Amino acid sequence: MKKGTKNSSSTSQIVRDFAEKNPTMRASEIIKELTAQGHKVYPALVSQALRGVSGAKKQRAGKKRGRKPGTKNKVAVVKNDSTFGSLKAAAELIKASGSAENAIQSIREFQKIAALVNG
């Protein structure tokens, strides 16, 4: 039947209706059943048609997930009791400095400044 007529329905709607009647079926099973009935369905169409149908929680608009603002390029605080934490902080310092030699040079300069301040 032509699209736009009263009795026609979109393939997506057919997929949604079928999935509603058979809630335990997976997408691959839905594809097999509907192609056996003569409908032209494919995985991407089924996936798109079923998106949001299962009642899954939707993310609220405006709320973004991911890293907190201002956490980029921060060097970790070194704790004396954690060997792994020290190793991780040293690796971040080397990465931020560009090389191990640059990191060593930065530490030496810091030691000089600390000696002048504490002098």
Protein backbone atom coordinates (compact mmCIF):
# COMPACT_ATOMS: atom_id res chain seq x y z
CA MET A 1 0.00 0.00 0.00
CA LYS A 2 1.20 3.53 -0.70
CA LYS A 3 2.67 5.62 2.05
CA GLY A 4 0.35 8.27 3.40
CA THR A 5 -2.84 6.31 2.97
CA LYS A 6 -5.01 5.52 5.97
CA ASN A 7 -4.19 1.84 6.28
CA SER A 8 -0.45 2.05 5.73
CA SER A 9 1.98 2.13 8.62
CA SER A 10 5.68 2.72 8.69
CA THR A 11 8.11 -0.12 9.08
CA SER A 12 9.33 1.45 12.31
CA GLN A 13 5.81 1.39 13.69
CA ILE A 14 5.47 -2.25 12.68
CA VAL A 15 8.70 -3.02 14.55
CA ARG A 16 7.51 -1.10 17.64
CA ASP A 17 4.13 -2.82 17.64
CA PHE A 18 5.72 -6.26 17.23
CA ALA A 19 8.22 -5.57 20.01
CA GLU A 20 5.41 -4.39 22.29
CA LYS A 21 3.52 -7.64 21.74
CA ASN A 22 6.72 -9.70 22.24
CA PRO A 23 8.72 -7.92 24.95
CA THR A 24 11.11 -10.83 25.59
CA MET A 25 12.36 -11.07 22.01
CA ARG A 26 15.77 -9.70 21.09
CA ALA A 27 16.40 -7.55 18.03
CA SER A 28 17.80 -10.44 15.98
CA GLU A 29 14.70 -12.52 16.71
CA ILE A 30 12.44 -9.62 15.77
CA ILE A 31 14.26 -9.25 12.45
CA LYS A 32 13.85 -12.96 11.66
CA GLU A 33 10.14 -12.95 12.49
CA LEU A 34 9.31 -9.78 10.57
CA THR A 35 11.30 -10.81 7.48
CA ALA A 36 9.45 -14.13 7.58
CA GLN A 37 6.21 -12.11 7.52
CA GLY A 38 7.42 -10.25 4.42
CA HIS A 39 8.57 -6.95 5.90
CA LYS A 40 11.88 -5.42 4.88
CA VAL A 41 13.67 -4.87 8.18
CA TYR A 42 17.36 -4.67 9.03
CA PRO A 43 19.33 -4.32 12.28
CA ALA A 44 19.79 -0.53 12.17
CA LEU A 45 16.08 0.05 11.56
CA VAL A 46 15.08 -2.24 14.44
CA SER A 47 17.61 -0.61 16.75
CA GLN A 48 16.39 2.88 15.87
CA ALA A 49 12.72 1.92 16.13
CA LEU A 50 13.19 0.34 19.56
CA ARG A 51 15.26 3.19 21.00
CA GLY A 52 13.45 4.47 24.07
CA VAL A 53 10.61 1.96 23.77
CA SER A 54 11.78 -0.29 26.63
CA GLY A 55 11.14 2.38 29.24
CA ALA A 56 14.82 2.98 29.92
CA LYS A 57 15.74 6.08 31.88
CA LYS A 58 16.39 9.07 29.69
CA GLN A 59 19.14 11.52 30.49
CA ARG A 60 17.78 14.88 31.55
CA ALA A 61 18.46 17.73 29.16
CA GLY A 62 21.32 19.96 30.16
CA LYS A 63 22.98 17.41 32.42
CA LYS A 64 26.28 16.32 30.93
CA ARG A 65 28.29 13.39 32.08
CA GLY A 66 32.03 13.24 32.13
CA ARG A 67 34.90 14.94 33.78
CA LYS A 68 34.26 17.69 36.29
CA PRO A 69 35.21 21.17 35.12
CA GLY A 70 38.69 22.31 36.07
CA THR A 71 40.19 18.82 36.45
CA LYS A 72 42.21 18.91 33.25
CA ASN A 73 46.03 18.89 33.56
CA LYS A 74 46.14 18.72 37.35
CA VAL A 75 49.08 16.91 38.91
CA ALA A 76 48.15 14.42 41.62
CA VAL A 77 49.20 15.11 45.21
CA VAL A 78 51.93 12.69 46.30
CA LYS A 79 51.31 10.76 49.52
CA ASN A 80 54.27 9.16 51.29
CA ASP A 81 52.32 6.05 52.29
CA SER A 82 51.26 5.08 48.78
CA THR A 83 53.91 3.74 46.41
CA PHE A 84 51.49 3.53 43.53
CA GLY A 85 50.27 7.07 44.14
CA SER A 86 53.86 8.32 44.09
CA LEU A 87 54.57 6.45 40.90
CA LYS A 88 51.42 7.80 39.26
CA ALA A 89 52.25 11.38 40.31
CA ALA A 90 55.80 11.02 38.97
CA ALA A 91 54.46 9.72 35.66
CA GLU A 92 52.07 12.68 35.41
CA LEU A 93 54.92 15.10 36.15
CA ILE A 94 57.07 13.54 33.42
CA LYS A 95 54.15 13.65 31.00
CA ALA A 96 53.43 17.30 31.83
CA SER A 97 57.13 18.20 31.50
CA GLY A 98 57.56 16.47 28.16
CA SER A 99 60.46 14.20 29.18
CA ALA A 100 62.18 12.76 32.24
CA GLU A 101 65.11 15.16 31.79
CA ASN A 102 62.79 18.17 31.82
CA ALA A 103 61.05 16.83 34.94
CA ILE A 104 64.41 16.40 36.72
CA GLN A 105 65.40 19.94 35.75
CA SER A 106 62.10 21.27 37.11
CA ILE A 107 62.68 19.47 40.40
CA ARG A 108 66.20 20.91 40.69
CA GLU A 109 64.86 24.43 40.06
CA PHE A 110 62.16 23.87 42.66
CA GLN A 111 64.80 22.76 45.18
CA LYS A 112 66.79 25.95 44.54
CA ILE A 113 63.70 28.12 45.06
CA ALA A 114 62.75 26.21 48.21
CA ALA A 115 66.28 26.70 49.59
CA LEU A 116 66.05 30.45 48.99
CA VAL A 117 62.63 30.72 50.60
CA ASN A 118 63.46 28.53 53.60
CA GLY A 119 67.05 29.93 53.75
